């Protein structure tokens, strides 16, 4: 079974190599879906949603929300950011299945560690 919790955060970034407007600093309201896969435990859950929220907030949201992403990772494309989020969570979330990051309402990336 898979469960997913959704988060949002606001951040700025710039892509200096980009030939269009993304080379300038700009912001996004990102939507982040964290999916965990596993068997149901004796209580009938994969992971408590509150525990999932606390782990993601501590390891990801507090580091990215209202921050300049260029100060967190090099070349903060949506793809690189999804990989960075995975790396922050993989040792904290047993069964992490995928990270889906929406940069805009119509553009997202999904990463599953491969």
PDB file of N, CA and C in Angstrom:
ATOM      1  N   UNK A   1       0.846  -1.165   0.000  1.00  0.00           N
ATOM      2  CA  UNK A   1       0.000   0.000   0.000  1.00  0.00           C
ATOM      3  C   UNK A   1       0.896   1.234   0.000  1.00  0.00           C
ATOM      4  N   UNK A   2       0.425   2.291  -0.652  1.00  0.00           N
ATOM      5  CA  UNK A   2       1.140   3.571  -0.648  1.00  0.00           C
ATOM      6  C   UNK A   2       0.260   4.637  -0.020  1.00  0.00           C
ATOM      7  N   UNK A   3       0.894   5.490   0.760  1.00  0.00           N
ATOM      8  CA  UNK A   3       0.212   6.666   1.281  1.00  0.00           C
ATOM      9  C   UNK A   3       1.001   7.895   0.849  1.00  0.00           C
ATOM     10  N   UNK A   4       0.307   9.012   0.712  1.00  0.00           N
ATOM     11  CA  UNK A   4       0.937  10.255   0.273  1.00  0.00           C
ATOM     12  C   UNK A   4       0.470  11.393   1.158  1.00  0.00           C
ATOM     13  N   UNK A   5       1.407  12.251   1.541  1.00  0.00           N
ATOM     14  CA  UNK A   5       1.092  13.485   2.249  1.00  0.00           C
ATOM     15  C   UNK A   5       1.574  14.637   1.385  1.00  0.00           C
ATOM     16  N   UNK A   6       0.781  15.712   1.358  1.00  0.00           N
ATOM     17  CA  UNK A   6       1.064  16.862   0.506  1.00  0.00           C
ATOM     18  C   UNK A   6       1.499  18.045   1.365  1.00  0.00           C
ATOM     19  N   UNK A   7       2.538  18.738   0.897  1.00  0.00           N
ATOM     20  CA  UNK A   7       3.097  19.905   1.575  1.00  0.00           C
ATOM     21  C   UNK A   7       3.220  21.038   0.561  1.00  0.00           C
ATOM     22  N   UNK A   8       3.281  22.262   1.047  1.00  0.00           N
ATOM     23  CA  UNK A   8       3.606  23.408   0.194  1.00  0.00           C
ATOM     24  C   UNK A   8       4.695  24.227   0.874  1.00  0.00           C
ATOM     25  N   UNK A   9       5.481  24.884   0.050  1.00  0.00           N
ATOM     26  CA  UNK A   9       6.479  25.823   0.559  1.00  0.00           C
ATOM     27  C   UNK A   9       6.772  26.840  -0.525  1.00  0.00           C
ATOM     28  N   UNK A  10       7.210  28.005  -0.094  1.00  0.00           N
ATOM     29  CA  UNK A  10       7.540  29.104  -1.002  1.00  0.00           C
ATOM     30  C   UNK A  10       9.047  29.320  -0.983  1.00  0.00           C
ATOM     31  N   UNK A  11       9.638  29.385  -2.162  1.00  0.00           N
ATOM     32  CA  UNK A  11      11.084  29.579  -2.273  1.00  0.00           C
ATOM     33  C   UNK A  11      11.403  30.356  -3.541  1.00  0.00           C
ATOM     34  N   UNK A  12      12.582  30.955  -3.516  1.00  0.00           N
ATOM     35  CA  UNK A  12      13.098  31.659  -4.688  1.00  0.00           C
ATOM     36  C   UNK A  12      14.288  30.884  -5.243  1.00  0.00           C
ATOM     37  N   UNK A  13      14.559  31.077  -6.515  1.00  0.00           N
ATOM     38  CA  UNK A  13      15.763  30.518  -7.129  1.00  0.00           C
ATOM     39  C   UNK A  13      16.025  31.234  -8.437  1.00  0.00           C
ATOM     40  N   UNK A  14      17.166  30.930  -8.990  1.00  0.00           N
ATOM     41  CA  UNK A  14      17.541  31.442 -10.308  1.00  0.00           C
ATOM     42  C   UNK A  14      18.386  30.365 -10.979  1.00  0.00           C
ATOM     43  N   UNK A  15      18.301  30.328 -12.281  1.00  0.00           N
ATOM     44  CA  UNK A  15      19.079  29.375 -13.062  1.00  0.00           C
ATOM     45  C   UNK A  15      19.973  30.188 -13.997  1.00  0.00           C
ATOM     46  N   UNK A  16      21.181  30.545 -13.542  1.00  0.00           N
ATOM     47  CA  UNK A  16      22.050  31.449 -14.307  1.00  0.00           C
ATOM     48  C   UNK A  16      22.346  30.989 -15.723  1.00  0.00           C
ATOM     49  N   UNK A  17      22.316  29.689 -15.978  1.00  0.00           N
ATOM     50  CA  UNK A  17      22.601  29.136 -17.299  1.00  0.00           C
ATOM     51  C   UNK A  17      21.415  29.280 -18.253  1.00  0.00           C
ATOM     52  N   UNK A  18      20.229  29.544 -17.707  1.00  0.00           N
ATOM     53  CA  UNK A  18      18.997  29.580 -18.511  1.00  0.00           C
ATOM     54  C   UNK A  18      19.005  30.793 -19.437  1.00  0.00           C
ATOM     55  N   UNK A  19      18.541  30.626 -20.668  1.00  0.00           N
ATOM     56  CA  UNK A  19      18.579  31.715 -21.640  1.00  0.00           C
ATOM     57  C   UNK A  19      17.343  32.596 -21.620  1.00  0.00           C
ATOM     58  N   UNK A  20      16.334  32.241 -20.840  1.00  0.00           N
ATOM     59  CA  UNK A  20      15.116  33.047 -20.768  1.00  0.00           C
ATOM     60  C   UNK A  20      14.957  33.633 -19.372  1.00  0.00           C
ATOM     61  N   UNK A  21      13.743  33.956 -18.998  1.00  0.00           N
ATOM     62  CA  UNK A  21      13.501  34.679 -17.749  1.00  0.00           C
ATOM     63  C   UNK A  21      13.891  33.917 -16.495  1.00  0.00           C
ATOM     64  N   UNK A  22      14.054  32.616 -16.555  1.00  0.00           N
ATOM     65  CA  UNK A  22      14.428  31.842 -15.369  1.00  0.00           C
ATOM     66  C   UNK A  22      15.855  32.119 -14.906  1.00  0.00           C
ATOM     67  N   UNK A  23      16.638  32.844 -15.727  1.00  0.00           N
ATOM     68  CA  UNK A  23      17.986  33.203 -15.290  1.00  0.00           C
ATOM     69  C   UNK A  23      17.939  34.258 -14.185  1.00  0.00           C
ATOM     70  N   UNK A  24      16.826  34.961 -14.059  1.00  0.00           N
ATOM     71  CA  UNK A  24      16.656  35.969 -13.014  1.00  0.00           C
ATOM     72  C   UNK A  24      16.024  35.341 -11.780  1.00  0.00           C
ATOM     73  N   UNK A  25      16.289  35.918 -10.634  1.00  0.00           N
ATOM     74  CA  UNK A  25      15.686  35.392  -9.414  1.00  0.00           C
ATOM     75  C   UNK A  25      14.171  35.528  -9.493  1.00  0.00           C
ATOM     76  N   UNK A  26      13.496  34.468  -9.110  1.00  0.00           N
ATOM     77  CA  UNK A  26      12.035  34.429  -9.134  1.00  0.00           C
ATOM     78  C   UNK A  26      11.572  33.395  -8.116  1.00  0.00           C
ATOM     79  N   UNK A  27      10.296  33.405  -7.812  1.00  0.00           N
ATOM     80  CA  UNK A  27       9.798  32.512  -6.783  1.00  0.00           C
ATOM     81  C   UNK A  27       8.719  31.573  -7.278  1.00  0.00           C
ATOM     82  N   UNK A  28       8.514  30.539  -6.503  1.00  0.00           N
ATOM     83  CA  UNK A  28       7.464  29.562  -6.767  1.00  0.00           C
ATOM     84  C   UNK A  28       6.801  29.185  -5.444  1.00  0.00           C
ATOM     85  N   UNK A  29       5.550  28.833  -5.519  1.00  0.00           N
ATOM     86  CA  UNK A  29       4.900  28.108  -4.439  1.00  0.00           C
ATOM     87  C   UNK A  29       4.916  26.657  -4.872  1.00  0.00           C
ATOM     88  N   UNK A  30       5.823  25.912  -4.291  1.00  0.00           N
ATOM     89  CA  UNK A  30       5.995  24.507  -4.629  1.00  0.00           C
ATOM     90  C   UNK A  30       4.962  23.659  -3.890  1.00  0.00           C
ATOM     91  N   UNK A  31       4.508  22.610  -4.531  1.00  0.00           N
ATOM     92  CA  UNK A  31       3.677  21.601  -3.888  1.00  0.00           C
ATOM     93  C   UNK A  31       4.458  20.307  -3.923  1.00  0.00           C
ATOM     94  N   UNK A  32       4.592  19.688  -2.764  1.00  0.00           N
ATOM     95  CA  UNK A  32       5.417  18.497  -2.604  1.00  0.00           C
ATOM     96  C   UNK A  32       4.552  17.334  -2.146  1.00  0.00           C
ATOM     97  N   UNK A  33       4.609  16.227  -2.881  1.00  0.00           N
ATOM     98  CA  UNK A  33       3.918  14.993  -2.506  1.00  0.00           C
ATOM     99  C   UNK A  33       4.984  13.997  -2.077  1.00  0.00           C
ATOM    100  N   UNK A  34       4.879  13.500  -0.859  1.00  0.00           N
ATOM    101  CA  UNK A  34       5.785  12.469  -0.368  1.00  0.00           C
ATOM    102  C   UNK A  34       4.992  11.179  -0.238  1.00  0.00           C
ATOM    103  N   UNK A  35       5.440  10.150  -0.923  1.00  0.00           N
ATOM    104  CA  UNK A  35       4.740   8.868  -0.931  1.00  0.00           C
ATOM    105  C   UNK A  35       5.599   7.805  -0.255  1.00  0.00           C
ATOM    106  N   UNK A  36       4.978   7.084   0.664  1.00  0.00           N
ATOM    107  CA  UNK A  36       5.631   6.008   1.405  1.00  0.00           C
ATOM    108  C   UNK A  36       4.877   4.716   1.120  1.00  0.00           C
ATOM    109  N   UNK A  37       5.631   3.664   0.862  1.00  0.00           N
ATOM    110  CA  UNK A  37       5.045   2.361   0.542  1.00  0.00           C
ATOM    111  C   UNK A  37       5.387   1.371   1.657  1.00  0.00           C
ATOM    112  N   UNK A  38       4.411   0.557   2.004  1.00  0.00           N
ATOM    113  CA  UNK A  38       4.691  -0.449   3.012  1.00  0.00           C
ATOM    114  C   UNK A  38       3.482  -1.305   3.315  1.00  0.00           C
ATOM    115  N   UNK A  39       3.703  -2.253   4.177  1.00  0.00           N
ATOM    116  CA  UNK A  39       2.636  -3.124   4.654  1.00  0.00           C
ATOM    117  C   UNK A  39       1.904  -2.435   5.801  1.00  0.00           C
ATOM    118  N   UNK A  40       0.662  -2.775   5.967  1.00  0.00           N
ATOM    119  CA  UNK A  40      -0.092  -2.251   7.095  1.00  0.00           C
ATOM    120  C   UNK A  40       0.443  -2.867   8.385  1.00  0.00           C
ATOM    121  N   UNK A  41       0.594  -2.056   9.411  1.00  0.00           N
ATOM    122  CA  UNK A  41       1.012  -2.592  10.698  1.00  0.00           C
ATOM    123  C   UNK A  41      -0.199  -3.112  11.474  1.00  0.00           C
ATOM    124  N   UNK A  42      -0.002  -3.509  12.713  1.00  0.00           N
ATOM    125  CA  UNK A  42      -1.084  -4.082  13.516  1.00  0.00           C
ATOM    126  C   UNK A  42      -2.229  -3.106  13.742  1.00  0.00           C
ATOM    127  N   UNK A  43      -1.947  -1.807  13.586  1.00  0.00           N
ATOM    128  CA  UNK A  43      -2.977  -0.783  13.751  1.00  0.00           C
ATOM    129  C   UNK A  43      -3.660  -0.409  12.440  1.00  0.00           C
ATOM    130  N   UNK A  44      -3.213  -1.022  11.345  1.00  0.00           N
ATOM    131  CA  UNK A  44      -3.832  -0.765  10.057  1.00  0.00           C
ATOM    132  C   UNK A  44      -3.307   0.454   9.328  1.00  0.00           C
ATOM    133  N   UNK A  45      -2.042   0.852   9.623  1.00  0.00           N
ATOM    134  CA  UNK A  45      -1.445   2.009   8.943  1.00  0.00           C
ATOM    135  C   UNK A  45      -0.076   1.639   8.382  1.00  0.00           C
ATOM    136  N   UNK A  46       0.357   2.386   7.368  1.00  0.00           N
ATOM    137  CA  UNK A  46       1.721   2.257   6.836  1.00  0.00           C
ATOM    138  C   UNK A  46       2.661   3.098   7.682  1.00  0.00           C
ATOM    139  N   UNK A  47       2.288   4.342   7.916  1.00  0.00           N
ATOM    140  CA  UNK A  47       2.995   5.275   8.795  1.00  0.00           C
ATOM    141  C   UNK A  47       1.955   6.284   9.259  1.00  0.00           C
ATOM    142  N   UNK A  48       2.090   6.740  10.456  1.00  0.00           N
ATOM    143  CA  UNK A  48       1.178   7.755  10.971  1.00  0.00           C
ATOM    144  C   UNK A  48       1.384   9.050  10.180  1.00  0.00           C
ATOM    145  N   UNK A  49       0.294   9.642   9.719  1.00  0.00           N
ATOM    146  CA  UNK A  49       0.415  10.882   8.939  1.00  0.00           C
ATOM    147  C   UNK A  49       1.103  11.983   9.745  1.00  0.00           C
ATOM    148  N   UNK A  50       0.884  12.017  11.054  1.00  0.00           N
ATOM    149  CA  UNK A  50       1.539  13.021  11.898  1.00  0.00           C
ATOM    150  C   UNK A  50       3.039  12.816  11.949  1.00  0.00           C
ATOM    151  N   UNK A  51       3.477  11.570  12.033  1.00  0.00           N
ATOM    152  CA  UNK A  51       4.916  11.270  12.023  1.00  0.00           C
ATOM    153  C   UNK A  51       5.527  11.647  10.679  1.00  0.00           C
ATOM    154  N   UNK A  52       4.822  11.328   9.600  1.00  0.00           N
ATOM    155  CA  UNK A  52       5.296  11.688   8.264  1.00  0.00           C
ATOM    156  C   UNK A  52       5.436  13.199   8.145  1.00  0.00           C
ATOM    157  N   UNK A  53       4.442  13.922   8.613  1.00  0.00           N
ATOM    158  CA  UNK A  53       4.487  15.386   8.575  1.00  0.00           C
ATOM    159  C   UNK A  53       5.691  15.920   9.342  1.00  0.00           C
ATOM    160  N   UNK A  54       5.932  15.407  10.535  1.00  0.00           N
ATOM    161  CA  UNK A  54       7.050  15.888  11.348  1.00  0.00           C
ATOM    162  C   UNK A  54       8.392  15.629  10.684  1.00  0.00           C
ATOM    163  N   UNK A  55       8.554  14.459  10.086  1.00  0.00           N
ATOM    164  CA  UNK A  55       9.816  14.106   9.427  1.00  0.00           C
ATOM    165  C   UNK A  55      10.079  15.008   8.228  1.00  0.00           C
ATOM    166  N   UNK A  56       9.066  15.220   7.399  1.00  0.00           N
ATOM    167  CA  UNK A  56       9.246  16.055   6.201  1.00  0.00           C
ATOM    168  C   UNK A  56       9.457  17.508   6.596  1.00  0.00           C
ATOM    169  N   UNK A  57       8.722  17.974   7.568  1.00  0.00           N
ATOM    170  CA  UNK A  57       8.878  19.364   8.008  1.00  0.00           C
ATOM    171  C   UNK A  57      10.302  19.614   8.502  1.00  0.00           C
ATOM    172  N   UNK A  58      10.803  18.726   9.365  1.00  0.00           N
ATOM    173  CA  UNK A  58      12.136  18.903   9.942  1.00  0.00           C
ATOM    174  C   UNK A  58      13.245  18.796   8.897  1.00  0.00           C
ATOM    175  N   UNK A  59      13.143  17.826   8.001  1.00  0.00           N
ATOM    176  CA  UNK A  59      14.243  17.518   7.081  1.00  0.00           C
ATOM    177  C   UNK A  59      14.182  18.245   5.748  1.00  0.00           C
ATOM    178  N   UNK A  60      13.011  18.795   5.404  1.00  0.00           N
ATOM    179  CA  UNK A  60      12.866  19.435   4.090  1.00  0.00           C
ATOM    180  C   UNK A  60      12.266  20.834   4.208  1.00  0.00           C
ATOM    181  N   UNK A  61      11.055  20.920   4.693  1.00  0.00           N
ATOM    182  CA  UNK A  61      10.318  22.187   4.653  1.00  0.00           C
ATOM    183  C   UNK A  61      11.058  23.295   5.401  1.00  0.00           C
ATOM    184  N   UNK A  62      11.561  23.007   6.599  1.00  0.00           N
ATOM    185  CA  UNK A  62      12.264  24.032   7.371  1.00  0.00           C
ATOM    186  C   UNK A  62      13.531  24.519   6.679  1.00  0.00           C
ATOM    187  N   UNK A  63      14.102  23.716   5.805  1.00  0.00           N
ATOM    188  CA  UNK A  63      15.315  24.090   5.087  1.00  0.00           C
ATOM    189  C   UNK A  63      15.024  24.863   3.797  1.00  0.00           C
ATOM    190  N   UNK A  64      13.831  24.685   3.232  1.00  0.00           N
ATOM    191  CA  UNK A  64      13.529  25.266   1.925  1.00  0.00           C
ATOM    192  C   UNK A  64      12.543  26.422   1.966  1.00  0.00           C
ATOM    193  N   UNK A  65      11.607  26.407   2.895  1.00  0.00           N
ATOM    194  CA  UNK A  65      10.541  27.405   2.906  1.00  0.00           C
ATOM    195  C   UNK A  65      11.094  28.803   3.151  1.00  0.00           C
ATOM    196  N   UNK A  66      10.708  29.738   2.298  1.00  0.00           N
ATOM    197  CA  UNK A  66      11.152  31.128   2.358  1.00  0.00           C
ATOM    198  C   UNK A  66      12.675  31.230   2.358  1.00  0.00           C
ATOM    199  N   UNK A  67      13.277  30.488   1.462  1.00  0.00           N
ATOM    200  CA  UNK A  67      14.720  30.495   1.320  1.00  0.00           C
ATOM    201  C   UNK A  67      15.066  30.663  -0.153  1.00  0.00           C
ATOM    202  N   UNK A  68      16.291  31.104  -0.401  1.00  0.00           N
ATOM    203  CA  UNK A  68      16.843  31.140  -1.753  1.00  0.00           C
ATOM    204  C   UNK A  68      17.455  29.773  -2.015  1.00  0.00           C
ATOM    205  N   UNK A  69      16.869  29.006  -2.906  1.00  0.00           N
ATOM    206  CA  UNK A  69      17.317  27.633  -3.143  1.00  0.00           C
ATOM    207  C   UNK A  69      18.746  27.567  -3.652  1.00  0.00           C
ATOM    208  N   UNK A  70      19.235  28.639  -4.264  1.00  0.00           N
ATOM    209  CA  UNK A  70      20.620  28.656  -4.723  1.00  0.00           C
ATOM    210  C   UNK A  70      21.591  28.607  -3.551  1.00  0.00           C
ATOM    211  N   UNK A  71      21.123  28.965  -2.349  1.00  0.00           N
ATOM    212  CA  UNK A  71      21.958  28.866  -1.150  1.00  0.00           C
ATOM    213  C   UNK A  71      21.894  27.471  -0.526  1.00  0.00           C
ATOM    214  N   UNK A  72      21.013  26.615  -1.032  1.00  0.00           N
ATOM    215  CA  UNK A  72      20.842  25.268  -0.486  1.00  0.00           C
ATOM    216  C   UNK A  72      21.486  24.224  -1.393  1.00  0.00           C
ATOM    217  N   UNK A  73      21.225  24.308  -2.691  1.00  0.00           N
ATOM    218  CA  UNK A  73      21.817  23.366  -3.644  1.00  0.00           C
ATOM    219  C   UNK A  73      22.288  24.121  -4.885  1.00  0.00           C
ATOM    220  N   UNK A  74      23.275  23.548  -5.542  1.00  0.00           N
ATOM    221  CA  UNK A  74      23.725  24.100  -6.813  1.00  0.00           C
ATOM    222  C   UNK A  74      22.687  23.763  -7.882  1.00  0.00           C
ATOM    223  N   UNK A  75      22.467  24.682  -8.779  1.00  0.00           N
ATOM    224  CA  UNK A  75      21.585  24.459  -9.919  1.00  0.00           C
ATOM    225  C   UNK A  75      20.214  23.913  -9.500  1.00  0.00           C
ATOM    226  N   UNK A  76      19.426  24.714  -8.774  1.00  0.00           N
ATOM    227  CA  UNK A  76      18.168  24.232  -8.196  1.00  0.00           C
ATOM    228  C   UNK A  76      17.019  24.112  -9.196  1.00  0.00           C
ATOM    229  N   UNK A  77      17.203  23.230 -10.164  1.00  0.00           N
ATOM    230  CA  UNK A  77      16.098  22.891 -11.056  1.00  0.00           C
ATOM    231  C   UNK A  77      15.098  22.042 -10.273  1.00  0.00           C
ATOM    232  N   UNK A  78      13.912  21.895 -10.777  1.00  0.00           N
ATOM    233  CA  UNK A  78      12.922  21.037 -10.116  1.00  0.00           C
ATOM    234  C   UNK A  78      13.450  19.611 -10.003  1.00  0.00           C
ATOM    235  N   UNK A  79      14.128  19.145 -11.041  1.00  0.00           N
ATOM    236  CA  UNK A  79      14.672  17.790 -11.031  1.00  0.00           C
ATOM    237  C   UNK A  79      15.731  17.621  -9.934  1.00  0.00           C
ATOM    238  N   UNK A  80      16.670  18.560  -9.861  1.00  0.00           N
ATOM    239  CA  UNK A  80      17.712  18.479  -8.840  1.00  0.00           C
ATOM    240  C   UNK A  80      17.133  18.637  -7.439  1.00  0.00           C
ATOM    241  N   UNK A  81      16.129  19.477  -7.309  1.00  0.00           N
ATOM    242  CA  UNK A  81      15.491  19.674  -6.012  1.00  0.00           C
ATOM    243  C   UNK A  81      14.774  18.400  -5.555  1.00  0.00           C
ATOM    244  N   UNK A  82      14.111  17.711  -6.461  1.00  0.00           N
ATOM    245  CA  UNK A  82      13.449  16.450  -6.110  1.00  0.00           C
ATOM    246  C   UNK A  82      14.475  15.418  -5.634  1.00  0.00           C
ATOM    247  N   UNK A  83      15.618  15.348  -6.297  1.00  0.00           N
ATOM    248  CA  UNK A  83      16.685  14.432  -5.866  1.00  0.00           C
ATOM    249  C   UNK A  83      17.209  14.825  -4.491  1.00  0.00           C
ATOM    250  N   UNK A  84      17.389  16.118  -4.252  1.00  0.00           N
ATOM    251  CA  UNK A  84      17.868  16.603  -2.953  1.00  0.00           C
ATOM    252  C   UNK A  84      16.866  16.241  -1.858  1.00  0.00           C
ATOM    253  N   UNK A  85      15.584  16.422  -2.115  1.00  0.00           N
ATOM    254  CA  UNK A  85      14.549  16.075  -1.134  1.00  0.00           C
ATOM    255  C   UNK A  85      14.604  14.583  -0.836  1.00  0.00           C
ATOM    256  N   UNK A  86      14.717  13.758  -1.863  1.00  0.00           N
ATOM    257  CA  UNK A  86      14.843  12.308  -1.677  1.00  0.00           C
ATOM    258  C   UNK A  86      16.008  12.003  -0.733  1.00  0.00           C
ATOM    259  N   UNK A  87      17.163  12.611  -1.016  1.00  0.00           N
ATOM    260  CA  UNK A  87      18.355  12.359  -0.208  1.00  0.00           C
ATOM    261  C   UNK A  87      18.159  12.768   1.252  1.00  0.00           C
ATOM    262  N   UNK A  88      17.378  13.811   1.496  1.00  0.00           N
ATOM    263  CA  UNK A  88      17.113  14.258   2.865  1.00  0.00           C
ATOM    264  C   UNK A  88      16.213  13.285   3.613  1.00  0.00           C
ATOM    265  N   UNK A  89      15.397  12.535   2.888  1.00  0.00           N
ATOM    266  CA  UNK A  89      14.378  11.695   3.514  1.00  0.00           C
ATOM    267  C   UNK A  89      14.668  10.202   3.507  1.00  0.00           C
ATOM    268  N   UNK A  90      15.501   9.727   2.611  1.00  0.00           N
ATOM    269  CA  UNK A  90      15.648   8.288   2.409  1.00  0.00           C
ATOM    270  C   UNK A  90      16.077   7.550   3.680  1.00  0.00           C
ATOM    271  N   UNK A  91      16.896   8.160   4.512  1.00  0.00           N
ATOM    272  CA  UNK A  91      17.328   7.505   5.748  1.00  0.00           C
ATOM    273  C   UNK A  91      16.368   7.746   6.904  1.00  0.00           C
ATOM    274  N   UNK A  92      15.411   8.635   6.711  1.00  0.00           N
ATOM    275  CA  UNK A  92      14.458   8.973   7.765  1.00  0.00           C
ATOM    276  C   UNK A  92      13.116   8.275   7.580  1.00  0.00           C
ATOM    277  N   UNK A  93      12.802   7.897   6.350  1.00  0.00           N
ATOM    278  CA  UNK A  93      11.494   7.324   6.030  1.00  0.00           C
ATOM    279  C   UNK A  93      11.650   5.933   5.428  1.00  0.00           C
ATOM    280  N   UNK A  94      11.452   4.948   6.232  1.00  0.00           N
ATOM    281  CA  UNK A  94      11.459   3.586   5.714  1.00  0.00           C
ATOM    282  C   UNK A  94      10.297   3.446   4.735  1.00  0.00           C
ATOM    283  N   UNK A  95      10.586   2.961   3.568  1.00  0.00           N
ATOM    284  CA  UNK A  95       9.535   2.779   2.569  1.00  0.00           C
ATOM    285  C   UNK A  95       9.297   3.978   1.675  1.00  0.00           C
ATOM    286  N   UNK A  96      10.173   4.991   1.733  1.00  0.00           N
ATOM    287  CA  UNK A  96      10.004   6.131   0.825  1.00  0.00           C
ATOM    288  C   UNK A  96       9.905   5.598  -0.596  1.00  0.00           C
ATOM    289  N   UNK A  97       8.822   5.943  -1.278  1.00  0.00           N
ATOM    290  CA  UNK A  97       8.548   5.391  -2.602  1.00  0.00           C
ATOM    291  C   UNK A  97       8.787   6.403  -3.709  1.00  0.00           C
ATOM    292  N   UNK A  98       8.308   7.632  -3.497  1.00  0.00           N
ATOM    293  CA  UNK A  98       8.531   8.656  -4.514  1.00  0.00           C
ATOM    294  C   UNK A  98       8.338  10.052  -3.937  1.00  0.00           C
ATOM    295  N   UNK A  99       9.013  10.969  -4.606  1.00  0.00           N
ATOM    296  CA  UNK A  99       8.918  12.400  -4.327  1.00  0.00           C
ATOM    297  C   UNK A  99       8.370  13.034  -5.589  1.00  0.00           C
ATOM    298  N   UNK A 100       7.247  13.719  -5.456  1.00  0.00           N
ATOM    299  CA  UNK A 100       6.682  14.451  -6.583  1.00  0.00           C
ATOM    300  C   UNK A 100       6.676  15.921  -6.216  1.00  0.00           C
ATOM    301  N   UNK A 101       7.332  16.737  -7.038  1.00  0.00           N
ATOM    302  CA  UNK A 101       7.471  18.163  -6.758  1.00  0.00           C
ATOM    303  C   UNK A 101       6.848  18.960  -7.892  1.00  0.00           C
ATOM    304  N   UNK A 102       5.834  19.731  -7.542  1.00  0.00           N
ATOM    305  CA  UNK A 102       5.169  20.628  -8.494  1.00  0.00           C
ATOM    306  C   UNK A 102       5.813  22.001  -8.378  1.00  0.00           C
ATOM    307  N   UNK A 103       6.426  22.463  -9.467  1.00  0.00           N
ATOM    308  CA  UNK A 103       7.016  23.798  -9.494  1.00  0.00           C
ATOM    309  C   UNK A 103       5.951  24.843  -9.826  1.00  0.00           C
ATOM    310  N   UNK A 104       5.028  24.470 -10.679  1.00  0.00           N
ATOM    311  CA  UNK A 104       3.888  25.320 -11.035  1.00  0.00           C
ATOM    312  C   UNK A 104       2.658  24.412 -11.060  1.00  0.00           C
ATOM    313  N   UNK A 105       1.470  24.982 -11.187  1.00  0.00           N
ATOM    314  CA  UNK A 105       0.275  24.132 -11.234  1.00  0.00           C
ATOM    315  C   UNK A 105       0.237  23.170 -12.423  1.00  0.00           C
ATOM    316  N   UNK A 106       1.091  23.384 -13.432  1.00  0.00           N
ATOM    317  CA  UNK A 106       1.063  22.515 -14.614  1.00  0.00           C
ATOM    318  C   UNK A 106       2.396  21.815 -14.896  1.00  0.00           C
ATOM    319  N   UNK A 107       3.367  21.943 -13.985  1.00  0.00           N
ATOM    320  CA  UNK A 107       4.696  21.370 -14.232  1.00  0.00           C
ATOM    321  C   UNK A 107       5.223  20.695 -12.973  1.00  0.00           C
ATOM    322  N   UNK A 108       5.523  19.391 -13.107  1.00  0.00           N
ATOM    323  CA  UNK A 108       6.045  18.675 -11.943  1.00  0.00           C
ATOM    324  C   UNK A 108       7.045  17.619 -12.373  1.00  0.00           C
ATOM    325  N   UNK A 109       7.793  17.138 -11.380  1.00  0.00           N
ATOM    326  CA  UNK A 109       8.766  16.065 -11.561  1.00  0.00           C
ATOM    327  C   UNK A 109       8.498  15.005 -10.501  1.00  0.00           C
ATOM    328  N   UNK A 110       8.682  13.745 -10.871  1.00  0.00           N
ATOM    329  CA  UNK A 110       8.562  12.652  -9.924  1.00  0.00           C
ATOM    330  C   UNK A 110       9.881  11.903  -9.897  1.00  0.00           C
ATOM    331  N   UNK A 111      10.372  11.640  -8.690  1.00  0.00           N
ATOM    332  CA  UNK A 111      11.643  10.909  -8.518  1.00  0.00           C
ATOM    333  C   UNK A 111      11.403   9.749  -7.558  1.00  0.00           C
ATOM    334  N   UNK A 112      11.921   8.579  -7.933  1.00  0.00           N
ATOM    335  CA  UNK A 112      11.750   7.402  -7.090  1.00  0.00           C
ATOM    336  C   UNK A 112      13.086   6.765  -6.686  1.00  0.00           C
ATOM    337  N   UNK A 113      14.132   7.546  -6.733  1.00  0.00           N
ATOM    338  CA  UNK A 113      15.429   7.066  -6.273  1.00  0.00           C
ATOM    339  C   UNK A 113      16.243   6.321  -7.310  1.00  0.00           C
ATOM    340  N   UNK A 114      15.728   6.217  -8.512  1.00  0.00           N
ATOM    341  CA  UNK A 114      16.450   5.483  -9.572  1.00  0.00           C
ATOM    342  C   UNK A 114      17.053   6.468 -10.551  1.00  0.00           C
TER     343      UNK A 114
END
